[in-house]
C-alpha atoms as a PDB file:
ATOM      1  CA  MET A   1      26.179  11.808  -4.138  1.00  0.00           C
ATOM      2  CA  THR A   2      26.608   9.361  -1.358  1.00  0.00           C
ATOM      3  CA  PRO A   3      23.931  10.578   1.201  1.00  0.00           C
ATOM      4  CA  TRP A   4      21.121  10.200  -1.949  1.00  0.00           C
ATOM      5  CA  LEU A   5      22.387   6.572  -2.787  1.00  0.00           C
ATOM      6  CA  ALA A   6      21.032   5.602   1.165  1.00  0.00           C
ATOM      7  CA  ILE A   7      18.560   7.403   0.503  1.00  0.00           C
ATOM      8  CA  LEU A   8      17.593   5.518  -2.715  1.00  0.00           C
ATOM      9  CA  GLY A   9      18.622   2.058  -0.942  1.00  0.00           C
ATOM     10  CA  MET A  10      15.875   2.942   2.102  1.00  0.00           C
ATOM     11  CA  ALA A  11      13.215   3.684  -0.601  1.00  0.00           C
ATOM     12  CA  LEU A  12      13.643   0.777  -2.157  1.00  0.00           C
ATOM     13  CA  VAL A  13      13.764  -1.849   1.096  1.00  0.00           C
ATOM     14  CA  THR A  14      10.759   0.113   2.078  1.00  0.00           C
ATOM     15  CA  MET A  15       8.683  -0.265  -1.401  1.00  0.00           C
ATOM     16  CA  ALA A  16       9.691  -4.157  -1.792  1.00  0.00           C
ATOM     17  CA  LEU A  17       8.082  -4.443   1.545  1.00  0.00           C
ATOM     18  CA  ARG A  18       5.258  -2.577   1.197  1.00  0.00           C
ATOM     19  CA  ALA A  19       4.903  -4.142  -2.060  1.00  0.00           C
ATOM     20  CA  SER A  20       5.115  -7.880  -0.210  1.00  0.00           C
ATOM     21  CA  PHE A  21       2.456  -6.832   2.321  1.00  0.00           C
ATOM     22  CA  LEU A  22      -0.142  -5.996  -0.852  1.00  0.00           C
ATOM     23  CA  LEU A  23       0.528  -8.863  -3.160  1.00  0.00           C
ATOM     24  CA  LEU A  24       1.707 -11.592  -1.007  1.00  0.00           C
ATOM     25  CA  PRO A  25      -0.854 -11.632   2.068  1.00  0.00           C
ATOM     26  CA  GLU A  26      -0.652 -15.303   2.710  1.00  0.00           C
ATOM     27  CA  GLY A  27       2.986 -16.016   1.231  1.00  0.00           C
ATOM     28  CA  VAL A  28       1.530 -16.572  -2.288  1.00  0.00           C
ATOM     29  CA  PRO A  29       0.675 -13.812  -5.313  1.00  0.00           C
ATOM     30  CA  ALA A  30      -2.962 -12.665  -4.925  1.00  0.00           C
ATOM     31  CA  LEU A  31      -3.674 -10.380  -7.888  1.00  0.00           C
ATOM     32  CA  SER A  32      -7.321 -10.751  -7.517  1.00  0.00           C
ATOM     33  CA  LEU A  33     -10.217  -8.870  -6.907  1.00  0.00           C
ATOM     34  CA  ALA A  34     -10.379 -11.158  -3.546  1.00  0.00           C
ATOM     35  CA  ASN A  35      -6.768  -9.376  -2.065  1.00  0.00           C
ATOM     36  CA  GLU A  36      -8.782  -6.738   0.196  1.00  0.00           C
ATOM     37  CA  ARG A  37      -5.069  -5.743   1.129  1.00  0.00           C
ATOM     38  CA  LEU A  38      -4.797  -4.854  -2.443  1.00  0.00           C
ATOM     39  CA  LEU A  39      -7.717  -2.734  -3.080  1.00  0.00           C
ATOM     40  CA  ALA A  40      -7.390  -0.675  -0.052  1.00  0.00           C
ATOM     41  CA  GLY A  41      -3.667  -0.052  -1.330  1.00  0.00           C
ATOM     42  CA  LEU A  42      -5.126   0.598  -4.545  1.00  0.00           C
ATOM     43  CA  VAL A  43      -7.918   3.237  -2.737  1.00  0.00           C
ATOM     44  CA  ALA A  44      -4.649   4.881  -0.896  1.00  0.00           C
ATOM     45  CA  ILE A  45      -3.023   5.552  -3.559  1.00  0.00           C
ATOM     46  CA  ALA A  46      -5.680   7.004  -5.276  1.00  0.00           C
ATOM     47  CA  VAL A  47      -6.158   9.393  -2.213  1.00  0.00           C
ATOM     48  CA  ALA A  48      -2.820  10.242  -1.738  1.00  0.00           C
ATOM     49  CA  TRP A  49      -2.206  11.047  -5.726  1.00  0.00           C
ATOM     50  CA  ARG A  50      -5.150  13.293  -6.043  1.00  0.00           C
ATOM     51  CA  PHE A  51      -5.073  14.819  -2.276  1.00  0.00           C
ATOM     52  CA  ARG A  52      -1.518  14.744  -1.675  1.00  0.00           C
ATOM     53  CA  LEU A  53      -2.384  14.557   2.429  1.00  0.00           C
ATOM     54  CA  THR A  54      -0.659  12.177   4.576  1.00  0.00           C
ATOM     55  CA  TYR A  55      -4.055  11.655   7.346  1.00  0.00           C
ATOM     56  CA  LEU A  56      -6.521  11.624   4.684  1.00  0.00           C
ATOM     57  CA  THR A  57      -4.405   9.016   2.577  1.00  0.00           C
ATOM     58  CA  LEU A  58      -4.114   6.738   5.979  1.00  0.00           C
ATOM     59  CA  ALA A  59      -7.692   7.403   7.036  1.00  0.00           C
ATOM     60  CA  ALA A  60      -9.194   6.443   3.714  1.00  0.00           C
ATOM     61  CA  GLY A  61      -6.340   3.194   3.091  1.00  0.00           C
ATOM     62  CA  MET A  62      -7.654   2.026   7.068  1.00  0.00           C
ATOM     63  CA  LEU A  63     -11.100   2.796   6.124  1.00  0.00           C
ATOM     64  CA  ALA A  64     -11.018   0.846   2.599  1.00  0.00           C
ATOM     65  CA  LEU A  65      -9.222  -2.286   4.148  1.00  0.00           C
ATOM     66  CA  HIS A  66     -11.797  -2.261   7.230  1.00  0.00           C
ATOM     67  CA  LEU A  67     -14.763  -2.218   4.336  1.00  0.00           C
ATOM     68  CA  PHE A  68     -13.107  -4.827   1.995  1.00  0.00           C
ATOM     69  CA  SER A  69     -12.262  -7.152   4.856  1.00  0.00           C
ATOM     70  CA  ARG A  70     -16.052  -7.013   5.922  1.00  0.00           C
ATOM     71  CA  LEU A  71     -17.306  -7.515   2.704  1.00  0.00           C
ATOM     72  CA  SER A  72     -15.546 -10.706   2.210  1.00  0.00           C
END
């Protein structure tokens, strides 16, 4: 049971770091359509959920971030 607790701890820390990257781009909460990191993260989540391919998820997220940053 102990190895699972270590894995769970690492997963929770990773999730917290990723959430802060998406939701706190400049240190303040940004839950709006102007937050291109959040929008790109949502695109990557949708691609990962639908296709379950790591490289496609990474490519879609990076492309979405590039496009959303160009638009704003």
